[in-house]
Amino acid sequence: MDFQRFILLDRDGVINEDSPHYIRSPAEWIPIPGSLEAIATFT
């Protein structure tokens, strides 16, 4: 049997800094240090 795996990540406070308001543009999105490198290890 062949299984497919997946990872589900919540955005706010998991891979990016929590924001008091809705993030409306990429310029407002600030990754938590090390989060992007950690995600890169999943591929």
C-alpha atoms as a PDB file:
ATOM      1  CA  MET A   1       0.000   0.000   0.000  1.00  0.00           C
ATOM      2  CA  ASP A   2       1.371   3.413  -0.997  1.00  0.00           C
ATOM      3  CA  PHE A   3       0.709   6.243   1.448  1.00  0.00           C
ATOM      4  CA  GLN A   4       0.914   9.945   0.716  1.00  0.00           C
ATOM      5  CA  ARG A   5       1.994  12.233   3.513  1.00  0.00           C
ATOM      6  CA  PHE A   6       1.149  15.854   4.095  1.00  0.00           C
ATOM      7  CA  ILE A   7       1.853  18.541   6.646  1.00  0.00           C
ATOM      8  CA  LEU A   8      -0.718  21.132   7.617  1.00  0.00           C
ATOM      9  CA  LEU A   9       0.575  24.368   9.141  1.00  0.00           C
ATOM     10  CA  ASP A  10      -1.415  27.219  10.569  1.00  0.00           C
ATOM     11  CA  ARG A  11       0.006  30.537   9.426  1.00  0.00           C
ATOM     12  CA  ASP A  12      -0.479  33.130  12.167  1.00  0.00           C
ATOM     13  CA  GLY A  13       1.915  32.586  15.033  1.00  0.00           C
ATOM     14  CA  VAL A  14       3.286  29.337  13.586  1.00  0.00           C
ATOM     15  CA  ILE A  15       5.321  30.394  10.555  1.00  0.00           C
ATOM     16  CA  ASN A  16       4.892  34.153  10.779  1.00  0.00           C
ATOM     17  CA  GLU A  17       4.820  36.765  13.509  1.00  0.00           C
ATOM     18  CA  ASP A  18       1.363  37.236  14.971  1.00  0.00           C
ATOM     19  CA  SER A  19      -0.311  40.448  13.843  1.00  0.00           C
ATOM     20  CA  PRO A  20      -3.063  42.416  15.608  1.00  0.00           C
ATOM     21  CA  HIS A  21      -4.812  42.885  12.237  1.00  0.00           C
ATOM     22  CA  TYR A  22      -5.427  40.872   9.083  1.00  0.00           C
ATOM     23  CA  ILE A  23      -2.356  40.707   6.822  1.00  0.00           C
ATOM     24  CA  ARG A  24      -3.362  42.340   3.549  1.00  0.00           C
ATOM     25  CA  SER A  25      -0.133  42.318   1.564  1.00  0.00           C
ATOM     26  CA  PRO A  26       3.092  40.299   1.333  1.00  0.00           C
ATOM     27  CA  ALA A  27       4.969  43.319   2.715  1.00  0.00           C
ATOM     28  CA  GLU A  28       3.094  42.948   6.026  1.00  0.00           C
ATOM     29  CA  TRP A  29       3.967  39.251   6.374  1.00  0.00           C
ATOM     30  CA  ILE A  30       6.978  38.684   8.676  1.00  0.00           C
ATOM     31  CA  PRO A  31       8.230  35.094   9.031  1.00  0.00           C
ATOM     32  CA  ILE A  32       9.328  33.803  12.429  1.00  0.00           C
ATOM     33  CA  PRO A  33      13.127  33.375  12.343  1.00  0.00           C
ATOM     34  CA  GLY A  34      13.967  29.851  11.222  1.00  0.00           C
ATOM     35  CA  SER A  35      10.440  28.956  10.102  1.00  0.00           C
ATOM     36  CA  LEU A  36      11.141  29.096   6.368  1.00  0.00           C
ATOM     37  CA  GLU A  37      14.284  27.006   6.757  1.00  0.00           C
ATOM     38  CA  ALA A  38      12.313  24.453   8.785  1.00  0.00           C
ATOM     39  CA  ILE A  39       9.633  24.247   6.092  1.00  0.00           C
ATOM     40  CA  ALA A  40      12.321  23.747   3.450  1.00  0.00           C
ATOM     41  CA  THR A  41      13.374  20.525   5.201  1.00  0.00           C
ATOM     42  CA  PHE A  42       9.923  19.032   4.490  1.00  0.00           C
ATOM     43  CA  THR A  43      10.511  18.885   0.742  1.00  0.00           C
END
